[in-house]
Protein backbone atom coordinates (compact mmCIF):
# COMPACT_ATOMS: atom_id res chain seq x y z
CA MET A 1 0.00 0.00 0.00
CA VAL A 2 1.43 3.37 -1.03
CA GLU A 3 1.71 5.93 1.76
CA MET A 4 -0.15 9.16 0.96
CA LYS A 5 0.65 12.59 2.43
CA LYS A 6 0.04 16.21 1.48
CA THR A 7 2.92 18.29 0.13
CA ARG A 8 1.36 21.38 1.73
CA VAL A 9 1.77 19.71 5.13
CA GLY A 10 5.43 19.17 4.24
CA PHE A 11 5.69 22.90 3.54
CA GLY A 12 4.05 23.74 6.86
CA HIS A 13 6.34 21.44 8.80
CA GLY A 14 9.34 22.75 6.84
CA LEU A 15 8.48 26.29 7.94
CA VAL A 16 8.50 25.16 11.57
CA ASP A 17 11.89 23.51 11.00
CA ALA A 18 13.16 26.78 9.52
CA GLY A 19 11.69 28.83 12.35
CA GLU A 20 13.36 26.66 14.96
CA LYS A 21 16.75 26.90 13.25
CA TYR A 22 16.68 30.54 12.17
CA PRO A 23 15.23 33.23 14.48
CA ASN A 24 15.01 35.74 11.61
CA VAL A 25 12.53 33.64 9.58
CA VAL A 26 9.10 35.28 9.32
CA VAL A 27 5.98 34.03 7.55
CA LEU A 28 3.27 36.04 5.79
CA VAL A 29 0.02 34.66 4.37
CA GLY A 30 -2.85 36.04 2.36
CA ASP A 31 -5.89 34.85 4.33
CA LEU A 32 -5.09 31.18 3.69
CA ARG A 33 -3.53 30.11 6.96
CA ASP A 34 -5.06 26.64 7.09
CA SER A 35 -5.15 25.95 3.34
CA THR A 36 -1.40 26.54 3.02
CA ASN A 37 -0.63 24.93 6.41
CA VAL A 38 1.31 27.94 7.66
CA ASN A 39 -0.92 27.54 10.72
CA PHE A 40 1.77 25.25 12.16
CA PHE A 41 4.27 28.13 12.13
CA ALA A 42 1.68 30.65 13.36
CA GLU A 43 0.87 28.53 16.39
CA LYS A 44 4.51 28.06 17.37
CA PHE A 45 5.89 31.50 16.45
CA PRO A 46 2.97 33.96 16.61
CA GLU A 47 5.32 36.93 17.01
CA ARG A 48 6.91 36.09 13.64
CA PHE A 49 3.68 35.51 11.74
CA ILE A 50 1.81 38.16 9.73
CA GLU A 51 -1.72 37.72 8.37
CA VAL A 52 -1.87 40.17 5.48
CA GLY A 53 -5.35 39.30 4.27
CA ILE A 54 -6.51 39.16 0.67
CA ALA A 55 -3.86 41.63 -0.50
CA GLU A 56 -1.27 39.49 -2.26
CA GLN A 57 0.51 42.33 -4.05
CA ASN A 58 0.92 44.21 -0.80
CA MET A 59 2.14 40.99 0.85
CA ALA A 60 4.92 40.64 -1.74
CA ASN A 61 6.03 44.22 -1.06
CA VAL A 62 5.91 43.74 2.72
CA ALA A 63 8.05 40.62 2.35
CA ALA A 64 10.51 42.61 0.24
CA GLY A 65 10.75 45.27 2.93
CA LEU A 66 11.27 42.69 5.67
CA SER A 67 14.12 41.12 3.69
CA LEU A 68 15.88 44.50 3.64
CA THR A 69 15.84 44.55 7.45
CA GLY A 70 17.64 41.20 7.68
CA LYS A 71 14.60 39.00 8.01
CA ILE A 72 14.07 35.92 5.84
CA PRO A 73 10.41 36.20 4.80
CA PHE A 74 8.26 33.44 3.33
CA PHE A 75 5.10 34.80 1.75
CA THR A 76 2.46 32.25 0.94
CA THR A 77 -0.74 32.00 -1.03
CA TYR A 78 -2.08 29.93 -3.91
CA GLY A 79 0.46 29.71 -6.70
CA ALA A 80 -1.97 31.25 -9.17
CA PHE A 81 -2.15 34.37 -7.00
CA ALA A 82 1.50 34.47 -5.96
CA THR A 83 2.61 34.61 -9.59
CA CYS A 84 -0.06 36.06 -11.87
CA ARG A 85 -1.43 38.55 -9.37
CA CYS A 86 1.99 39.54 -8.02
CA LEU A 87 4.07 39.41 -11.21
CA ASP A 88 5.07 43.09 -11.23
CA MET A 89 6.16 42.90 -7.60
CA LEU A 90 8.09 39.69 -8.22
CA ARG A 91 9.81 41.12 -11.28
CA VAL A 92 10.61 44.68 -10.23
CA THR A 93 10.63 44.73 -6.44
CA ILE A 94 11.99 41.27 -5.60
CA CYS A 95 13.91 39.80 -8.55
CA TYR A 96 15.39 43.01 -9.96
CA SER A 97 16.95 43.73 -6.56
CA ASN A 98 17.66 40.02 -5.91
CA LEU A 99 15.99 40.23 -2.51
CA ASN A 100 16.10 37.28 -0.13
CA VAL A 101 12.38 36.51 -0.32
CA LYS A 102 10.94 32.98 -0.38
CA ILE A 103 7.55 32.23 -1.94
CA GLY A 104 5.29 29.30 -1.12
CA GLY A 105 3.01 28.56 -4.07
CA ALA A 106 0.16 26.37 -2.88
CA HIS A 107 -2.41 24.47 -4.94
CA GLY A 108 -0.02 23.93 -7.83
CA GLY A 109 -1.25 21.88 -10.78
CA ILE A 110 -4.54 20.42 -11.93
CA SER A 111 -4.96 18.09 -8.94
CA VAL A 112 -6.28 20.93 -6.77
CA GLY A 113 -9.63 19.45 -7.75
CA PRO A 114 -12.99 21.20 -7.29
CA ASP A 115 -11.49 24.69 -6.84
CA GLY A 116 -11.32 24.93 -10.62
CA ALA A 117 -9.38 26.92 -13.19
CA THR A 118 -9.00 30.17 -11.23
CA HIS A 119 -7.18 28.39 -8.40
CA GLN A 120 -5.23 25.81 -10.41
CA ALA A 121 -1.73 27.14 -11.01
CA LEU A 122 -0.70 25.74 -14.39
CA GLU A 123 1.49 28.55 -15.69
CA GLU A 124 3.73 29.62 -12.82
CA ILE A 125 6.80 27.57 -13.78
CA SER A 126 6.81 29.21 -17.21
CA ILE A 127 6.40 32.66 -15.67
CA LEU A 128 8.92 32.35 -12.88
CA ARG A 129 11.76 30.64 -14.68
CA SER A 130 11.86 33.61 -17.09
CA LEU A 131 12.61 36.03 -14.23
CA PRO A 132 16.32 36.69 -13.61
CA ASN A 133 17.50 35.69 -10.09
CA MET A 134 14.41 33.56 -9.39
CA LYS A 135 14.92 29.91 -8.41
CA VAL A 136 12.13 27.35 -8.81
CA ILE A 137 11.68 24.12 -6.82
CA VAL A 138 8.94 21.57 -7.58
CA PRO A 139 9.22 18.84 -4.92
CA CYS A 140 7.62 15.44 -5.47
CA ASP A 141 6.16 14.57 -2.06
CA TYR A 142 5.80 15.44 1.63
CA TYR A 143 9.41 14.78 2.66
CA GLU A 144 10.96 16.52 -0.32
CA THR A 145 8.75 19.57 0.20
CA ARG A 146 9.71 19.76 3.86
CA LYS A 147 13.42 19.52 3.03
CA ALA A 148 13.16 22.00 0.15
CA THR A 149 11.51 24.55 2.43
CA LEU A 150 14.35 24.37 4.92
CA ALA A 151 16.96 24.32 2.13
CA ALA A 152 15.53 27.53 0.66
CA ILE A 153 16.97 29.42 3.64
CA ASP A 154 20.51 28.72 2.47
CA ILE A 155 19.83 29.84 -1.11
CA ASP A 156 20.60 33.49 -1.68
CA GLY A 157 17.85 35.52 -3.34
CA PRO A 158 14.25 34.73 -4.30
CA VAL A 159 13.08 31.11 -4.26
CA TYR A 160 9.69 29.71 -5.30
CA ILE A 161 8.49 26.38 -3.88
CA ARG A 162 5.51 24.76 -5.59
CA PHE A 163 3.27 22.36 -3.67
CA GLY A 164 -0.22 20.92 -3.92
CA ARG A 165 -3.39 20.47 -1.95
CA GLU A 166 -4.31 16.78 -2.00
CA ASN A 167 -2.69 13.64 -0.64
CA VAL A 168 -0.06 12.31 -3.06
CA PRO A 169 2.12 9.18 -2.98
CA VAL A 170 5.25 9.32 -0.84
CA VAL A 171 8.23 8.50 -3.05
CA THR A 172 11.14 9.70 -0.92
CA SER A 173 11.84 9.06 2.77
CA GLU A 174 12.82 10.96 5.88
CA ASP A 175 16.43 9.95 5.19
CA SER A 176 16.49 10.92 1.50
CA VAL A 177 19.03 13.59 0.63
CA PHE A 178 17.79 16.82 -0.97
CA LYS A 179 20.39 18.85 -2.81
CA PHE A 180 19.22 22.05 -4.44
CA GLY A 181 19.95 22.08 -8.17
CA GLU A 182 20.78 18.37 -8.42
CA GLY A 183 18.52 15.84 -10.16
CA VAL A 184 18.12 12.38 -8.66
CA LEU A 185 18.30 9.07 -10.53
CA TYR A 186 15.47 6.88 -9.27
CA ARG A 187 15.63 4.08 -11.79
CA ASP A 188 18.36 3.29 -14.28
CA GLY A 189 17.70 2.29 -17.87
CA GLY A 190 19.05 2.75 -21.34
CA ASP A 191 16.13 2.66 -23.79
CA ALA A 192 14.60 6.03 -22.91
CA ALA A 193 14.71 8.51 -20.03
CA ILE A 194 11.63 9.82 -18.23
CA LEU A 195 12.35 13.13 -16.51
CA ALA A 196 9.68 14.24 -14.05
CA CYS A 197 9.03 16.96 -11.51
CA GLY A 198 6.52 17.13 -8.67
CA VAL A 199 3.84 14.49 -8.29
CA MET A 200 4.57 13.23 -11.81
CA LEU A 201 7.62 11.37 -10.44
CA TYR A 202 5.32 8.71 -9.00
CA GLU A 203 3.51 8.37 -12.32
CA ALA A 204 6.87 8.08 -14.09
CA LEU A 205 7.96 5.26 -11.79
CA GLU A 206 4.66 3.47 -12.32
CA ALA A 207 5.06 3.84 -16.08
CA ALA A 208 8.63 2.50 -15.99
CA GLY A 209 7.47 -0.56 -14.06
CA GLU A 210 4.84 -1.35 -16.68
CA LEU A 211 7.26 -0.71 -19.56
CA GLU A 212 9.71 -3.18 -18.05
CA LYS A 213 7.08 -5.90 -18.45
CA GLU A 214 7.13 -5.16 -22.18
CA GLY A 215 10.90 -5.28 -22.39
CA ILE A 216 11.43 -1.51 -22.42
CA ASP A 217 14.11 -0.31 -20.02
CA ALA A 218 13.24 3.25 -18.95
CA ARG A 219 15.41 5.51 -16.81
CA VAL A 220 13.52 7.71 -14.32
CA ILE A 221 14.98 10.97 -13.01
CA ASN A 222 13.53 13.37 -10.47
CA ILE A 223 14.26 16.98 -11.44
CA HIS A 224 12.98 18.77 -8.35
CA THR A 225 14.87 21.98 -9.13
CA VAL A 226 13.53 23.42 -12.37
CA LYS A 227 15.72 26.52 -12.13
CA PRO A 228 18.68 26.25 -12.03
CA ILE A 229 18.19 22.93 -13.80
CA ASP A 230 20.70 20.07 -13.59
CA GLU A 231 22.25 20.14 -17.06
CA ASN A 232 24.68 17.32 -16.30
CA ILE A 233 22.11 14.65 -15.44
CA ILE A 234 19.91 15.69 -18.39
CA THR A 235 22.77 15.61 -20.89
CA LYS A 236 23.93 12.24 -19.54
CA ALA A 237 20.41 10.86 -20.05
CA ALA A 238 20.30 12.19 -23.60
CA VAL A 239 23.68 10.67 -24.49
CA GLU A 240 23.07 7.29 -22.85
CA CYS A 241 19.38 6.79 -23.63
CA GLY A 242 18.97 8.66 -26.92
CA ALA A 243 15.34 9.57 -26.20
CA ILE A 244 13.62 11.64 -23.49
CA VAL A 245 10.09 12.06 -22.17
CA THR A 246 9.26 14.85 -19.72
CA ALA A 247 6.32 14.75 -17.32
CA GLU A 248 4.87 17.75 -15.49
CA GLU A 249 1.58 18.81 -13.89
CA HIS A 250 1.79 22.14 -15.71
CA GLN A 251 1.42 23.73 -19.12
CA ILE A 252 3.82 22.19 -21.63
CA LEU A 253 4.40 25.60 -23.23
CA GLY A 254 7.36 27.19 -21.47
CA GLY A 255 7.28 24.80 -18.54
CA PHE A 256 9.52 22.05 -17.21
CA GLY A 257 9.62 20.17 -20.52
CA SER A 258 10.72 23.33 -22.28
CA ALA A 259 13.50 23.81 -19.73
CA VAL A 260 14.73 20.27 -20.37
CA ALA A 261 14.49 20.74 -24.15
CA GLU A 262 16.68 23.85 -23.94
CA VAL A 263 19.39 21.74 -22.30
CA VAL A 264 18.98 18.88 -24.77
CA VAL A 265 19.27 20.98 -27.94
CA ARG A 266 22.38 22.72 -26.60
CA ASN A 267 24.21 19.58 -25.58
CA LYS A 268 22.87 16.42 -27.27
CA ALA A 269 19.82 16.70 -29.48
CA VAL A 270 17.61 13.60 -29.22
CA PRO A 271 13.90 12.93 -29.84
CA MET A 272 11.61 14.18 -27.06
CA GLU A 273 7.97 13.85 -26.07
CA PHE A 274 6.13 15.99 -23.51
CA VAL A 275 3.48 14.90 -21.01
CA GLY A 276 1.65 17.85 -19.46
CA ILE A 277 -1.25 20.26 -19.89
CA LYS A 278 -1.74 21.01 -23.57
CA ASP A 279 -2.53 24.73 -23.82
CA SER A 280 -5.69 24.48 -21.76
CA PHE A 281 -7.21 25.89 -18.59
CA GLY A 282 -8.23 23.49 -15.86
CA ARG A 283 -11.71 22.75 -14.57
CA SER A 284 -13.44 21.47 -11.45
CA GLY A 285 -13.43 17.78 -10.63
CA LYS A 286 -11.95 15.10 -8.43
CA PRO A 287 -8.14 15.12 -8.49
CA ASP A 288 -7.70 11.63 -9.96
CA GLU A 289 -10.37 12.27 -12.57
CA LEU A 290 -8.68 15.50 -13.63
CA MET A 291 -5.26 13.89 -13.83
CA ALA A 292 -6.73 11.24 -16.13
CA ALA A 293 -8.79 13.72 -18.16
CA TYR A 294 -5.72 15.86 -18.84
CA HIS A 295 -3.59 12.82 -19.70
CA LEU A 296 -1.19 13.05 -16.76
CA LYS A 297 -1.19 9.43 -15.62
CA ALA A 298 1.23 6.54 -16.04
CA PRO A 299 -0.54 5.19 -19.18
CA ASP A 300 0.00 8.57 -20.86
CA ILE A 301 3.71 8.44 -20.04
CA ILE A 302 3.86 4.91 -21.43
CA THR A 303 2.29 6.12 -24.68
CA ALA A 304 4.82 8.96 -24.88
CA VAL A 305 7.76 6.61 -24.32
CA LYS A 306 6.61 4.27 -27.06
CA LYS A 307 6.10 7.22 -29.38
CA VAL A 308 9.56 8.66 -28.74
CA LEU A 309 11.18 5.26 -29.25
CA GLN A 310 9.72 5.15 -32.76
CA ARG A 311 11.71 8.31 -33.53
CA LYS A 312 14.93 7.19 -31.86
């Protein structure tokens, strides 16, 4: 039985870890204390917690100001609001000055479920990786999200951490090592490489297991840091496997797959296929139903691998 835990709980626990280790960590939230699980931090460190209310743009500016006083602020809201609603503040106030602000983007991806298109962040990787000085982390499960949150403290400048709402499979463990900027090989193979970020890592591993039954040996790599991306592990996969499939719970246009493709064409051009949202807004529904409807499950990765192998 696969263990299931929420990545947003990992973020909340990671904030407490950070607060215990660093007295200058402060947390701001836009009227979503419980939904983003910053309530854990608020209960333990009330003097370092600020409820800004539904004023996300102001929250970004307040966080920027706090960073200039020596604080390490995390501002948190739904990813759709933290990026699209706050883009000018992220670009001009935070990134242009390379301020030490950390952003928690909740409800990332289509699996938010019934909240629907307005709350499903499907574009933020594309937006944020285009901003100079911004770093982007898309952890795969509870433990990786918790570790990434603490690790963000030691990364100079703005960092965005994307996490979701629902229970997702636990792929890593409490003892797993998280190294910012370094991809992780989860399964070796030489026929094709499946590169995944976020919850799609589990689907990639499931797909590789099924492909093995058909005699296809697929490599699976977790790319939790989308920016700066691990060029070495991607190039090695391209050279040794000769075909790549990317999997992301995000728009294909400009997203994780595009970041991987930029590395591939510079270093070792090989056939690629992309599993992700195909230029579409989300809609309301149950998480599993939406993942299937938008072709983000293991069978869709299997189809992509077989397709890319035909072009190898």
